[in-house]
Amino acid sequence: MKEKEQFKHLYQLYLNNLCNAEELKQFFELLNRNRDDQGISAMLSDTWDRTDLTPETGLVPTFIDQPLKTVKLTPIRRSVFGLRRFMTAAAVLLVLTGIYFYRADIAKVFNPVAKAQLFSSAGERKQIRLADGTKVWLSRNSKLSYPDKFEGPDRQVSLEGEAFFEVTHDSSHPFIIKSGAVSTTVLGTSFNVSAYKQQHTINVTLVTGKVTVALNGQNNTKRDTIVANQQLIVDKITSSITKLNYPDAAAFLNRRLGLYEYRGAALQEVQQDLENQYNIKIELGPGLAAATFYGNLNMTDALHETLNKLCTVMETKWKKDGGHYELIK
């Protein structure tokens, strides 16, 4: 008897559209258990036939941008159809209730995540702010793939080339940069990633915060973590990870703008930077492989201006030979 009284109470709430989620669940559970009860069937049939069947409002979530038409239905007075009509309306209500409680999944259908790509040619650098507020400075000859909004447990982008990141902190959603088999994972920090396809190494240099780099191999995954003023070098050929102290990491704050500062760097390092930034091939003449360079280069300048400045400091010359360049004494 107590169960029938509870059912009557829930039924009145239902008729007046006052059920919360838990009460709605209890109502249909009781209805299912007592579907063969003639007393309840008679009550439902009689009450429902005296109800003006205008579709209820407020059941369809606001995020579904579709105009709804209110249709006035003519009640059918015969009780033999009453329960059937009630069950049909109940089924519709269940569908709408399901839409509401699974609105996140439905929203993905009506408003799916769009993929975007940002390209920078050999003659330009670009900057972008992602949906979570993360700032990215994209170097020349690079490509960043990213979603227009971040959903799920992490924030994932893909990088070919070089970029400097200032990641918005979010401890619940790690920021992951994919570069082939290498993944760089952070929570909130600033760092530089150099991952050009033509290079056999991927370099991650940390300015602030903490970064974990993973190299996914066929049989295992290698990981290492760095803190500020450290660098990880991932060798794609030997599948190895090397950690170095990098006290000049703050120099990447200028590098993101194209201003490169060298303090006794091997000329081969400068050569590689020039090749990446200008998408060219440079050869070093005899005796230059072991040379070191002190100075600043603005990689936003025209190629011939940058080469002229480099050669002035190094007391060398440059020439173009076919499709590549050469530095000679």
C-alpha atoms as a PDB file:
ATOM      1  CA  MET A   1       0.000   0.000   0.000  1.00  0.00           C
ATOM      2  CA  LYS A   2       2.856   2.363   0.843  1.00  0.00           C
ATOM      3  CA  GLU A   3       4.357   1.820  -2.613  1.00  0.00           C
ATOM      4  CA  LYS A   4       1.052   2.731  -4.309  1.00  0.00           C
ATOM      5  CA  GLU A   5       0.819   5.948  -2.289  1.00  0.00           C
ATOM      6  CA  GLN A   6       4.355   6.828  -3.310  1.00  0.00           C
ATOM      7  CA  PHE A   7       3.473   6.114  -6.922  1.00  0.00           C
ATOM      8  CA  LYS A   8       0.411   8.403  -6.733  1.00  0.00           C
ATOM      9  CA  HIS A   9       2.555  11.173  -5.281  1.00  0.00           C
ATOM     10  CA  LEU A  10       5.206  10.837  -7.981  1.00  0.00           C
ATOM     11  CA  TYR A  11       2.501  10.640 -10.640  1.00  0.00           C
ATOM     12  CA  GLN A  12       1.068  13.997  -9.541  1.00  0.00           C
ATOM     13  CA  LEU A  13       4.536  15.529  -9.663  1.00  0.00           C
ATOM     14  CA  TYR A  14       5.010  14.082 -13.123  1.00  0.00           C
ATOM     15  CA  LEU A  15       1.711  15.459 -14.433  1.00  0.00           C
ATOM     16  CA  ASN A  16       2.725  18.930 -13.256  1.00  0.00           C
ATOM     17  CA  ASN A  17       6.254  18.613 -14.651  1.00  0.00           C
ATOM     18  CA  LEU A  18       7.768  18.939 -11.148  1.00  0.00           C
ATOM     19  CA  CYS A  19       9.811  15.717 -11.005  1.00  0.00           C
ATOM     20  CA  ASN A  20      13.515  16.009 -10.484  1.00  0.00           C
ATOM     21  CA  ALA A  21      15.867  13.411 -11.981  1.00  0.00           C
ATOM     22  CA  GLU A  22      15.735  11.047  -8.984  1.00  0.00           C
ATOM     23  CA  GLU A  23      11.945  11.265  -8.664  1.00  0.00           C
ATOM     24  CA  LEU A  24      11.526  10.637 -12.389  1.00  0.00           C
ATOM     25  CA  LYS A  25      13.684   7.536 -12.099  1.00  0.00           C
ATOM     26  CA  GLN A  26      11.649   6.242  -9.124  1.00  0.00           C
ATOM     27  CA  PHE A  27       8.375   6.921 -10.960  1.00  0.00           C
ATOM     28  CA  PHE A  28       9.271   4.761 -13.945  1.00  0.00           C
ATOM     29  CA  GLU A  29      10.719   2.034 -11.733  1.00  0.00           C
ATOM     30  CA  LEU A  30       7.426   1.816  -9.834  1.00  0.00           C
ATOM     31  CA  LEU A  31       5.465   1.948 -13.075  1.00  0.00           C
ATOM     32  CA  ASN A  32       7.467  -0.939 -14.458  1.00  0.00           C
ATOM     33  CA  ARG A  33       7.002  -3.044 -11.317  1.00  0.00           C
ATOM     34  CA  ASN A  34       3.233  -2.417 -11.180  1.00  0.00           C
ATOM     35  CA  ARG A  35       2.384  -2.480 -14.864  1.00  0.00           C
ATOM     36  CA  ASP A  36      -0.014  -5.410 -14.321  1.00  0.00           C
ATOM     37  CA  ASP A  37      -1.825  -3.752 -11.402  1.00  0.00           C
ATOM     38  CA  GLN A  38      -5.404  -3.054 -12.607  1.00  0.00           C
ATOM     39  CA  GLY A  39      -5.966  -0.300 -10.040  1.00  0.00           C
ATOM     40  CA  ILE A  40      -2.906   1.656 -11.191  1.00  0.00           C
ATOM     41  CA  SER A  41      -3.784   1.063 -14.849  1.00  0.00           C
ATOM     42  CA  ALA A  42      -7.287   2.415 -14.271  1.00  0.00           C
ATOM     43  CA  MET A  43      -5.948   5.473 -12.433  1.00  0.00           C
ATOM     44  CA  LEU A  44      -3.487   6.230 -15.209  1.00  0.00           C
ATOM     45  CA  SER A  45      -6.051   5.757 -17.950  1.00  0.00           C
ATOM     46  CA  ASP A  46      -8.675   7.897 -16.252  1.00  0.00           C
ATOM     47  CA  THR A  47      -6.338  10.707 -15.246  1.00  0.00           C
ATOM     48  CA  TRP A  48      -4.467  10.827 -18.511  1.00  0.00           C
ATOM     49  CA  ASP A  49      -7.674  11.006 -20.588  1.00  0.00           C
ATOM     50  CA  ARG A  50      -8.708  14.105 -18.625  1.00  0.00           C
ATOM     51  CA  THR A  51      -5.359  15.814 -19.301  1.00  0.00           C
ATOM     52  CA  ASP A  52      -5.046  18.359 -22.116  1.00  0.00           C
ATOM     53  CA  LEU A  53      -2.283  16.890 -24.242  1.00  0.00           C
ATOM     54  CA  THR A  54      -0.267  19.962 -25.198  1.00  0.00           C
ATOM     55  CA  PRO A  55       3.439  19.093 -25.405  1.00  0.00           C
ATOM     56  CA  GLU A  56       5.271  20.315 -22.339  1.00  0.00           C
ATOM     57  CA  THR A  57       7.894  23.022 -22.604  1.00  0.00           C
ATOM     58  CA  GLY A  58      11.308  23.257 -21.023  1.00  0.00           C
ATOM     59  CA  LEU A  59      12.222  19.646 -21.780  1.00  0.00           C
ATOM     60  CA  VAL A  60      14.448  20.261 -24.785  1.00  0.00           C
ATOM     61  CA  PRO A  61      17.877  21.692 -23.837  1.00  0.00           C
ATOM     62  CA  THR A  62      18.650  25.213 -25.016  1.00  0.00           C
ATOM     63  CA  PHE A  63      21.780  24.152 -26.869  1.00  0.00           C
ATOM     64  CA  ILE A  64      19.690  22.463 -29.583  1.00  0.00           C
ATOM     65  CA  ASP A  65      19.058  25.368 -31.922  1.00  0.00           C
ATOM     66  CA  GLN A  66      15.867  24.141 -33.537  1.00  0.00           C
ATOM     67  CA  PRO A  67      12.508  25.978 -33.341  1.00  0.00           C
ATOM     68  CA  LEU A  68       9.774  23.911 -31.767  1.00  0.00           C
ATOM     69  CA  LYS A  69       6.114  24.083 -32.733  1.00  0.00           C
ATOM     70  CA  THR A  70       3.422  23.635 -30.073  1.00  0.00           C
ATOM     71  CA  VAL A  71       0.723  21.327 -31.395  1.00  0.00           C
ATOM     72  CA  LYS A  72      -2.697  21.086 -29.785  1.00  0.00           C
ATOM     73  CA  LEU A  73      -3.868  17.478 -29.701  1.00  0.00           C
ATOM     74  CA  THR A  74      -7.478  16.400 -29.408  1.00  0.00           C
ATOM     75  CA  PRO A  75      -7.872  14.118 -26.371  1.00  0.00           C
ATOM     76  CA  ILE A  76      -9.222  10.629 -26.937  1.00  0.00           C
ATOM     77  CA  ARG A  77     -11.745   9.822 -24.260  1.00  0.00           C
ATOM     78  CA  ARG A  78     -11.754   6.062 -24.567  1.00  0.00           C
ATOM     79  CA  SER A  79      -9.897   4.607 -21.620  1.00  0.00           C
ATOM     80  CA  VAL A  80      -8.756   1.593 -23.589  1.00  0.00           C
ATOM     81  CA  PHE A  81      -6.254   3.882 -25.374  1.00  0.00           C
ATOM     82  CA  GLY A  82      -5.393   6.013 -22.390  1.00  0.00           C
ATOM     83  CA  LEU A  83      -2.563   3.956 -20.990  1.00  0.00           C
ATOM     84  CA  ARG A  84      -1.126   3.419 -24.457  1.00  0.00           C
ATOM     85  CA  ARG A  85      -1.039   7.162 -25.047  1.00  0.00           C
ATOM     86  CA  PHE A  86       0.501   7.650 -21.644  1.00  0.00           C
ATOM     87  CA  MET A  87       3.253   5.154 -22.345  1.00  0.00           C
ATOM     88  CA  THR A  88       3.986   6.812 -25.714  1.00  0.00           C
ATOM     89  CA  ALA A  89       4.310  10.207 -24.044  1.00  0.00           C
ATOM     90  CA  ALA A  90       6.420   8.636 -21.296  1.00  0.00           C
ATOM     91  CA  ALA A  91       8.763   7.210 -23.911  1.00  0.00           C
ATOM     92  CA  VAL A  92       9.120  10.648 -25.485  1.00  0.00           C
ATOM     93  CA  LEU A  93       9.864  12.105 -22.067  1.00  0.00           C
ATOM     94  CA  LEU A  94      12.531   9.494 -21.471  1.00  0.00           C
ATOM     95  CA  VAL A  95      14.189  10.389 -24.774  1.00  0.00           C
ATOM     96  CA  LEU A  96      14.151  14.087 -23.925  1.00  0.00           C
ATOM     97  CA  THR A  97      15.413  13.382 -20.418  1.00  0.00           C
ATOM     98  CA  GLY A  98      18.210  11.324 -21.899  1.00  0.00           C
ATOM     99  CA  ILE A  99      19.082  14.198 -24.225  1.00  0.00           C
ATOM    100  CA  TYR A 100      19.312  16.538 -21.251  1.00  0.00           C
ATOM    101  CA  PHE A 101      21.508  14.329 -19.087  1.00  0.00           C
ATOM    102  CA  TYR A 102      23.731  13.379 -22.011  1.00  0.00           C
ATOM    103  CA  ARG A 103      23.842  16.890 -23.427  1.00  0.00           C
ATOM    104  CA  ALA A 104      27.655  16.847 -23.533  1.00  0.00           C
ATOM    105  CA  ASP A 105      27.608  13.913 -25.954  1.00  0.00           C
ATOM    106  CA  ILE A 106      24.767  15.423 -27.982  1.00  0.00           C
ATOM    107  CA  ALA A 107      26.636  18.741 -28.121  1.00  0.00           C
ATOM    108  CA  LYS A 108      29.544  16.944 -29.785  1.00  0.00           C
ATOM    109  CA  VAL A 109      27.197  15.880 -32.577  1.00  0.00           C
ATOM    110  CA  PHE A 110      25.702  19.335 -33.114  1.00  0.00           C
ATOM    111  CA  ASN A 111      28.924  21.244 -32.348  1.00  0.00           C
ATOM    112  CA  PRO A 112      31.894  18.926 -33.040  1.00  0.00           C
ATOM    113  CA  VAL A 113      35.503  19.850 -32.375  1.00  0.00           C
ATOM    114  CA  ALA A 114      37.082  21.339 -35.498  1.00  0.00           C
ATOM    115  CA  LYS A 115      40.717  20.754 -36.377  1.00  0.00           C
ATOM    116  CA  ALA A 116      42.825  23.671 -37.552  1.00  0.00           C
ATOM    117  CA  GLN A 117      46.364  24.130 -38.846  1.00  0.00           C
ATOM    118  CA  LEU A 118      48.683  27.109 -38.729  1.00  0.00           C
ATOM    119  CA  PHE A 119      51.475  27.265 -41.300  1.00  0.00           C
ATOM    120  CA  SER A 120      54.489  29.545 -41.449  1.00  0.00           C
ATOM    121  CA  SER A 121      56.557  29.686 -44.616  1.00  0.00           C
ATOM    122  CA  ALA A 122      60.300  30.184 -44.851  1.00  0.00           C
ATOM    123  CA  GLY A 123      59.721  33.940 -44.852  1.00  0.00           C
ATOM    124  CA  GLU A 124      57.402  34.443 -41.886  1.00  0.00           C
ATOM    125  CA  ARG A 125      56.807  33.817 -38.198  1.00  0.00           C
ATOM    126  CA  LYS A 126      53.361  33.608 -36.601  1.00  0.00           C
ATOM    127  CA  GLN A 127      51.795  33.866 -33.176  1.00  0.00           C
ATOM    128  CA  ILE A 128      48.512  32.350 -31.976  1.00  0.00           C
ATOM    129  CA  ARG A 129      46.500  32.071 -28.760  1.00  0.00           C
ATOM    130  CA  LEU A 130      44.787  28.689 -28.373  1.00  0.00           C
ATOM    131  CA  ALA A 131      41.329  28.096 -26.890  1.00  0.00           C
ATOM    132  CA  ASP A 132      42.710  27.525 -23.364  1.00  0.00           C
ATOM    133  CA  GLY A 133      44.752  30.746 -23.443  1.00  0.00           C
ATOM    134  CA  THR A 134      48.069  29.060 -24.316  1.00  0.00           C
ATOM    135  CA  LYS A 135      50.314  31.278 -26.459  1.00  0.00           C
ATOM    136  CA  VAL A 136      52.375  29.832 -29.300  1.00  0.00           C
ATOM    137  CA  TRP A 137      55.117  31.535 -31.320  1.00  0.00           C
ATOM    138  CA  LEU A 138      55.577  29.542 -34.519  1.00  0.00           C
ATOM    139  CA  SER A 139      58.996  29.740 -36.158  1.00  0.00           C
ATOM    140  CA  ARG A 140      59.611  29.849 -39.889  1.00  0.00           C
ATOM    141  CA  ASN A 141      58.939  26.772 -41.983  1.00  0.00           C
ATOM    142  CA  SER A 142      56.727  25.169 -39.301  1.00  0.00           C
ATOM    143  CA  LYS A 143      53.209  23.782 -38.851  1.00  0.00           C
ATOM    144  CA  LEU A 144      50.980  23.577 -35.786  1.00  0.00           C
ATOM    145  CA  SER A 145      47.831  21.399 -35.736  1.00  0.00           C
ATOM    146  CA  TYR A 146      45.321  22.130 -32.966  1.00  0.00           C
ATOM    147  CA  PRO A 147      41.585  21.888 -32.113  1.00  0.00           C
ATOM    148  CA  ASP A 148      39.354  24.944 -31.964  1.00  0.00           C
ATOM    149  CA  LYS A 149      38.440  23.864 -28.423  1.00  0.00           C
ATOM    150  CA  PHE A 150      39.888  21.385 -25.952  1.00  0.00           C
ATOM    151  CA  GLU A 151      37.710  18.506 -24.700  1.00  0.00           C
ATOM    152  CA  GLY A 152      38.561  15.349 -22.799  1.00  0.00           C
ATOM    153  CA  PRO A 153      41.276  14.598 -20.241  1.00  0.00           C
ATOM    154  CA  ASP A 154      44.120  16.437 -21.995  1.00  0.00           C
ATOM    155  CA  ARG A 155      44.953  19.280 -24.378  1.00  0.00           C
ATOM    156  CA  GLN A 156      46.759  17.885 -27.409  1.00  0.00           C
ATOM    157  CA  VAL A 157      48.403  19.605 -30.381  1.00  0.00           C
ATOM    158  CA  SER A 158      50.873  18.487 -33.061  1.00  0.00           C
ATOM    159  CA  LEU A 159      54.024  20.301 -34.177  1.00  0.00           C
ATOM    160  CA  GLU A 160      56.274  20.029 -37.206  1.00  0.00           C
ATOM    161  CA  GLY A 161      59.123  22.498 -37.025  1.00  0.00           C
ATOM    162  CA  GLU A 162      59.841  24.847 -34.144  1.00  0.00           C
ATOM    163  CA  ALA A 163      57.670  26.767 -31.707  1.00  0.00           C
ATOM    164  CA  PHE A 164      57.852  28.466 -28.334  1.00  0.00           C
ATOM    165  CA  PHE A 165      54.983  27.723 -25.937  1.00  0.00           C
ATOM    166  CA  GLU A 166      53.596  29.579 -22.938  1.00  0.00           C
ATOM    167  CA  VAL A 167      51.115  27.006 -21.640  1.00  0.00           C
ATOM    168  CA  THR A 168      48.176  28.054 -19.483  1.00  0.00           C
ATOM    169  CA  HIS A 169      48.278  26.100 -16.223  1.00  0.00           C
ATOM    170  CA  ASP A 170      45.596  23.426 -15.789  1.00  0.00           C
ATOM    171  CA  SER A 171      46.597  20.574 -13.475  1.00  0.00           C
ATOM    172  CA  SER A 172      43.544  18.520 -14.485  1.00  0.00           C
ATOM    173  CA  HIS A 173      44.243  18.688 -18.227  1.00  0.00           C
ATOM    174  CA  PRO A 174      47.905  18.187 -19.240  1.00  0.00           C
ATOM    175  CA  PHE A 175      49.069  19.944 -22.399  1.00  0.00           C
ATOM    176  CA  ILE A 176      50.640  17.463 -24.844  1.00  0.00           C
ATOM    177  CA  ILE A 177      52.673  18.296 -27.938  1.00  0.00           C
ATOM    178  CA  LYS A 178      53.032  15.447 -30.433  1.00  0.00           C
ATOM    179  CA  SER A 179      56.020  15.453 -32.786  1.00  0.00           C
ATOM    180  CA  GLY A 180      56.096  12.081 -34.486  1.00  0.00           C
ATOM    181  CA  ALA A 181      56.989   9.456 -31.875  1.00  0.00           C
ATOM    182  CA  VAL A 182      57.892  12.113 -29.302  1.00  0.00           C
ATOM    183  CA  SER A 183      55.384  13.533 -26.816  1.00  0.00           C
ATOM    184  CA  THR A 184      56.085  16.548 -24.608  1.00  0.00           C
ATOM    185  CA  THR A 185      53.733  16.807 -21.617  1.00  0.00           C
ATOM    186  CA  VAL A 186      53.338  19.877 -19.410  1.00  0.00           C
ATOM    187  CA  LEU A 187      50.837  21.396 -16.974  1.00  0.00           C
ATOM    188  CA  GLY A 188      51.792  25.043 -17.317  1.00  0.00           C
ATOM    189  CA  THR A 189      55.198  26.376 -18.311  1.00  0.00           C
ATOM    190  CA  SER A 190      57.261  28.093 -21.037  1.00  0.00           C
ATOM    191  CA  PHE A 191      59.594  26.175 -23.304  1.00  0.00           C
ATOM    192  CA  ASN A 192      60.852  25.728 -26.846  1.00  0.00           C
ATOM    193  CA  VAL A 193      60.434  22.665 -29.078  1.00  0.00           C
ATOM    194  CA  SER A 194      62.499  22.163 -32.216  1.00  0.00           C
ATOM    195  CA  ALA A 195      61.180  19.204 -34.215  1.00  0.00           C
ATOM    196  CA  TYR A 196      61.987  19.697 -37.882  1.00  0.00           C
ATOM    197  CA  LYS A 197      61.481  16.570 -39.984  1.00  0.00           C
ATOM    198  CA  GLN A 198      64.831  16.917 -41.712  1.00  0.00           C
ATOM    199  CA  GLN A 199      66.672  16.866 -38.372  1.00  0.00           C
ATOM    200  CA  HIS A 200      67.503  13.583 -36.697  1.00  0.00           C
ATOM    201  CA  THR A 201      67.056  15.182 -33.270  1.00  0.00           C
ATOM    202  CA  ILE A 202      64.197  16.868 -31.421  1.00  0.00           C
ATOM    203  CA  ASN A 203      65.243  19.463 -28.856  1.00  0.00           C
ATOM    204  CA  VAL A 204      63.100  20.587 -25.908  1.00  0.00           C
ATOM    205  CA  THR A 205      64.493  23.540 -23.951  1.00  0.00           C
ATOM    206  CA  LEU A 206      62.771  24.636 -20.745  1.00  0.00           C
ATOM    207  CA  VAL A 207      62.662  28.251 -19.575  1.00  0.00           C
ATOM    208  CA  THR A 208      60.211  27.883 -16.657  1.00  0.00           C
ATOM    209  CA  GLY A 209      58.246  25.057 -15.054  1.00  0.00           C
ATOM    210  CA  LYS A 210      58.627  21.318 -15.600  1.00  0.00           C
ATOM    211  CA  VAL A 211      58.335  19.124 -18.704  1.00  0.00           C
ATOM    212  CA  THR A 212      58.236  15.380 -19.343  1.00  0.00           C
ATOM    213  CA  VAL A 213      59.322  14.055 -22.736  1.00  0.00           C
ATOM    214  CA  ALA A 214      58.446  10.552 -23.919  1.00  0.00           C
ATOM    215  CA  LEU A 215      59.902   8.671 -26.888  1.00  0.00           C
ATOM    216  CA  ASN A 216      57.515   5.925 -27.989  1.00  0.00           C
ATOM    217  CA  GLY A 217      59.416   2.978 -29.447  1.00  0.00           C
ATOM    218  CA  GLN A 218      58.181  -0.293 -30.890  1.00  0.00           C
ATOM    219  CA  ASN A 219      58.781  -2.268 -27.715  1.00  0.00           C
ATOM    220  CA  ASN A 220      59.042   0.339 -24.973  1.00  0.00           C
ATOM    221  CA  THR A 221      58.699   4.001 -24.091  1.00  0.00           C
ATOM    222  CA  LYS A 222      61.583   6.103 -22.812  1.00  0.00           C
ATOM    223  CA  ARG A 223      60.856   9.117 -20.601  1.00  0.00           C
ATOM    224  CA  ASP A 224      62.789  11.871 -18.932  1.00  0.00           C
ATOM    225  CA  THR A 225      61.897  15.073 -17.110  1.00  0.00           C
ATOM    226  CA  ILE A 226      63.603  18.454 -17.104  1.00  0.00           C
ATOM    227  CA  VAL A 227      63.241  21.637 -15.069  1.00  0.00           C
ATOM    228  CA  ALA A 228      64.129  25.244 -15.854  1.00  0.00           C
ATOM    229  CA  ASN A 229      67.436  25.833 -17.674  1.00  0.00           C
ATOM    230  CA  GLN A 230      67.701  22.267 -18.912  1.00  0.00           C
ATOM    231  CA  GLN A 231      67.395  20.729 -22.365  1.00  0.00           C
ATOM    232  CA  LEU A 232      66.436  17.288 -23.639  1.00  0.00           C
ATOM    233  CA  ILE A 233      67.775  16.040 -26.955  1.00  0.00           C
ATOM    234  CA  VAL A 234      65.886  13.129 -28.502  1.00  0.00           C
ATOM    235  CA  ASP A 235      67.823  11.263 -31.196  1.00  0.00           C
ATOM    236  CA  LYS A 236      65.345   9.697 -33.612  1.00  0.00           C
ATOM    237  CA  ILE A 237      68.007   7.462 -35.176  1.00  0.00           C
ATOM    238  CA  THR A 238      69.457   5.925 -31.999  1.00  0.00           C
ATOM    239  CA  SER A 239      66.176   6.231 -30.017  1.00  0.00           C
ATOM    240  CA  SER A 240      68.029   7.867 -27.142  1.00  0.00           C
ATOM    241  CA  ILE A 241      67.286  10.797 -24.825  1.00  0.00           C
ATOM    242  CA  THR A 242      70.053  13.063 -23.516  1.00  0.00           C
ATOM    243  CA  LYS A 243      69.598  15.612 -20.729  1.00  0.00           C
ATOM    244  CA  LEU A 244      71.793  18.722 -20.616  1.00  0.00           C
ATOM    245  CA  ASN A 245      72.061  21.774 -18.416  1.00  0.00           C
ATOM    246  CA  TYR A 246      71.176  24.836 -20.516  1.00  0.00           C
ATOM    247  CA  PRO A 247      71.810  28.013 -18.478  1.00  0.00           C
ATOM    248  CA  ASP A 248      70.987  30.247 -21.469  1.00  0.00           C
ATOM    249  CA  ALA A 249      67.433  28.898 -21.810  1.00  0.00           C
ATOM    250  CA  ALA A 250      66.032  32.410 -21.338  1.00  0.00           C
ATOM    251  CA  ALA A 251      67.547  33.268 -24.731  1.00  0.00           C
ATOM    252  CA  PHE A 252      64.588  31.442 -26.280  1.00  0.00           C
ATOM    253  CA  LEU A 253      62.382  34.331 -25.150  1.00  0.00           C
ATOM    254  CA  ASN A 254      64.126  36.338 -27.864  1.00  0.00           C
ATOM    255  CA  ARG A 255      64.381  33.405 -30.247  1.00  0.00           C
ATOM    256  CA  ARG A 256      60.600  33.151 -30.397  1.00  0.00           C
ATOM    257  CA  LEU A 257      60.753  36.576 -32.052  1.00  0.00           C
ATOM    258  CA  GLY A 258      63.515  35.517 -34.449  1.00  0.00           C
ATOM    259  CA  LEU A 259      66.447  37.044 -32.499  1.00  0.00           C
ATOM    260  CA  TYR A 260      69.182  34.429 -32.107  1.00  0.00           C
ATOM    261  CA  GLU A 261      72.077  35.006 -29.717  1.00  0.00           C
ATOM    262  CA  TYR A 262      75.183  32.811 -29.877  1.00  0.00           C
ATOM    263  CA  ARG A 263      77.883  32.711 -27.214  1.00  0.00           C
ATOM    264  CA  GLY A 264      80.598  30.529 -28.603  1.00  0.00           C
ATOM    265  CA  ALA A 265      78.239  28.161 -30.403  1.00  0.00           C
ATOM    266  CA  ALA A 266      79.666  25.700 -32.903  1.00  0.00           C
ATOM    267  CA  LEU A 267      79.230  26.971 -36.441  1.00  0.00           C
ATOM    268  CA  GLN A 268      77.447  23.719 -37.225  1.00  0.00           C
ATOM    269  CA  GLU A 269      74.703  24.763 -34.776  1.00  0.00           C
ATOM    270  CA  VAL A 270      74.363  28.122 -36.530  1.00  0.00           C
ATOM    271  CA  GLN A 271      74.315  26.318 -39.873  1.00  0.00           C
ATOM    272  CA  GLN A 272      71.433  24.128 -38.718  1.00  0.00           C
ATOM    273  CA  ASP A 273      69.440  27.106 -37.428  1.00  0.00           C
ATOM    274  CA  LEU A 274      69.872  28.913 -40.752  1.00  0.00           C
ATOM    275  CA  GLU A 275      68.762  25.848 -42.700  1.00  0.00           C
ATOM    276  CA  ASN A 276      65.655  25.454 -40.549  1.00  0.00           C
ATOM    277  CA  GLN A 277      64.673  29.114 -40.510  1.00  0.00           C
ATOM    278  CA  TYR A 278      65.210  29.816 -44.211  1.00  0.00           C
ATOM    279  CA  ASN A 279      64.496  26.314 -45.566  1.00  0.00           C
ATOM    280  CA  ILE A 280      67.804  26.142 -47.392  1.00  0.00           C
ATOM    281  CA  LYS A 281      70.849  23.884 -47.517  1.00  0.00           C
ATOM    282  CA  ILE A 282      74.248  25.235 -46.359  1.00  0.00           C
ATOM    283  CA  GLU A 283      77.631  23.568 -46.623  1.00  0.00           C
ATOM    284  CA  LEU A 284      80.662  24.526 -44.522  1.00  0.00           C
ATOM    285  CA  GLY A 285      83.958  24.836 -46.302  1.00  0.00           C
ATOM    286  CA  PRO A 286      87.251  23.277 -45.130  1.00  0.00           C
ATOM    287  CA  GLY A 287      88.320  24.323 -41.631  1.00  0.00           C
ATOM    288  CA  LEU A 288      84.944  25.764 -40.618  1.00  0.00           C
ATOM    289  CA  ALA A 289      83.327  22.718 -38.995  1.00  0.00           C
ATOM    290  CA  ALA A 290      85.224  23.307 -35.726  1.00  0.00           C
ATOM    291  CA  ALA A 291      84.792  27.108 -35.736  1.00  0.00           C
ATOM    292  CA  THR A 292      82.724  28.909 -33.077  1.00  0.00           C
ATOM    293  CA  PHE A 293      80.494  31.936 -33.407  1.00  0.00           C
ATOM    294  CA  TYR A 294      79.833  34.833 -31.050  1.00  0.00           C
ATOM    295  CA  GLY A 295      77.153  37.259 -32.091  1.00  0.00           C
ATOM    296  CA  ASN A 296      73.466  37.926 -32.802  1.00  0.00           C
ATOM    297  CA  LEU A 297      71.480  37.064 -35.907  1.00  0.00           C
ATOM    298  CA  ASN A 298      68.020  38.346 -36.745  1.00  0.00           C
ATOM    299  CA  MET A 299      66.286  35.493 -38.547  1.00  0.00           C
ATOM    300  CA  THR A 300      63.504  37.824 -39.654  1.00  0.00           C
ATOM    301  CA  ASP A 301      65.931  39.633 -41.958  1.00  0.00           C
ATOM    302  CA  ALA A 302      66.369  38.665 -45.581  1.00  0.00           C
ATOM    303  CA  LEU A 303      68.667  35.676 -46.095  1.00  0.00           C
ATOM    304  CA  HIS A 304      71.450  37.627 -47.790  1.00  0.00           C
ATOM    305  CA  GLU A 305      71.518  40.144 -44.909  1.00  0.00           C
ATOM    306  CA  THR A 306      71.841  37.381 -42.310  1.00  0.00           C
ATOM    307  CA  LEU A 307      74.578  35.606 -44.281  1.00  0.00           C
ATOM    308  CA  ASN A 308      76.476  38.878 -44.761  1.00  0.00           C
ATOM    309  CA  LYS A 309      76.455  39.556 -41.011  1.00  0.00           C
ATOM    310  CA  LEU A 310      77.569  36.017 -40.184  1.00  0.00           C
ATOM    311  CA  CYS A 311      80.418  36.136 -42.700  1.00  0.00           C
ATOM    312  CA  THR A 312      81.585  39.553 -41.482  1.00  0.00           C
ATOM    313  CA  VAL A 313      82.004  38.223 -37.948  1.00  0.00           C
ATOM    314  CA  MET A 314      83.532  34.921 -39.059  1.00  0.00           C
ATOM    315  CA  GLU A 315      85.740  36.584 -41.706  1.00  0.00           C
ATOM    316  CA  THR A 316      84.384  34.259 -44.366  1.00  0.00           C
ATOM    317  CA  LYS A 317      82.425  34.538 -47.618  1.00  0.00           C
ATOM    318  CA  TRP A 318      79.293  32.894 -48.882  1.00  0.00           C
ATOM    319  CA  LYS A 319      78.248  31.864 -52.336  1.00  0.00           C
ATOM    320  CA  LYS A 320      75.277  30.184 -53.909  1.00  0.00           C
ATOM    321  CA  ASP A 321      76.062  27.029 -55.822  1.00  0.00           C
ATOM    322  CA  GLY A 322      73.045  25.640 -57.617  1.00  0.00           C
ATOM    323  CA  GLY A 323      70.320  24.926 -55.081  1.00  0.00           C
ATOM    324  CA  HIS A 324      72.455  25.343 -51.957  1.00  0.00           C
ATOM    325  CA  TYR A 325      74.751  27.812 -50.219  1.00  0.00           C
ATOM    326  CA  GLU A 326      78.368  27.453 -49.128  1.00  0.00           C
ATOM    327  CA  LEU A 327      80.524  29.238 -46.555  1.00  0.00           C
ATOM    328  CA  ILE A 328      84.196  29.474 -47.448  1.00  0.00           C
ATOM    329  CA  LYS A 329      87.275  31.193 -46.079  1.00  0.00           C
END
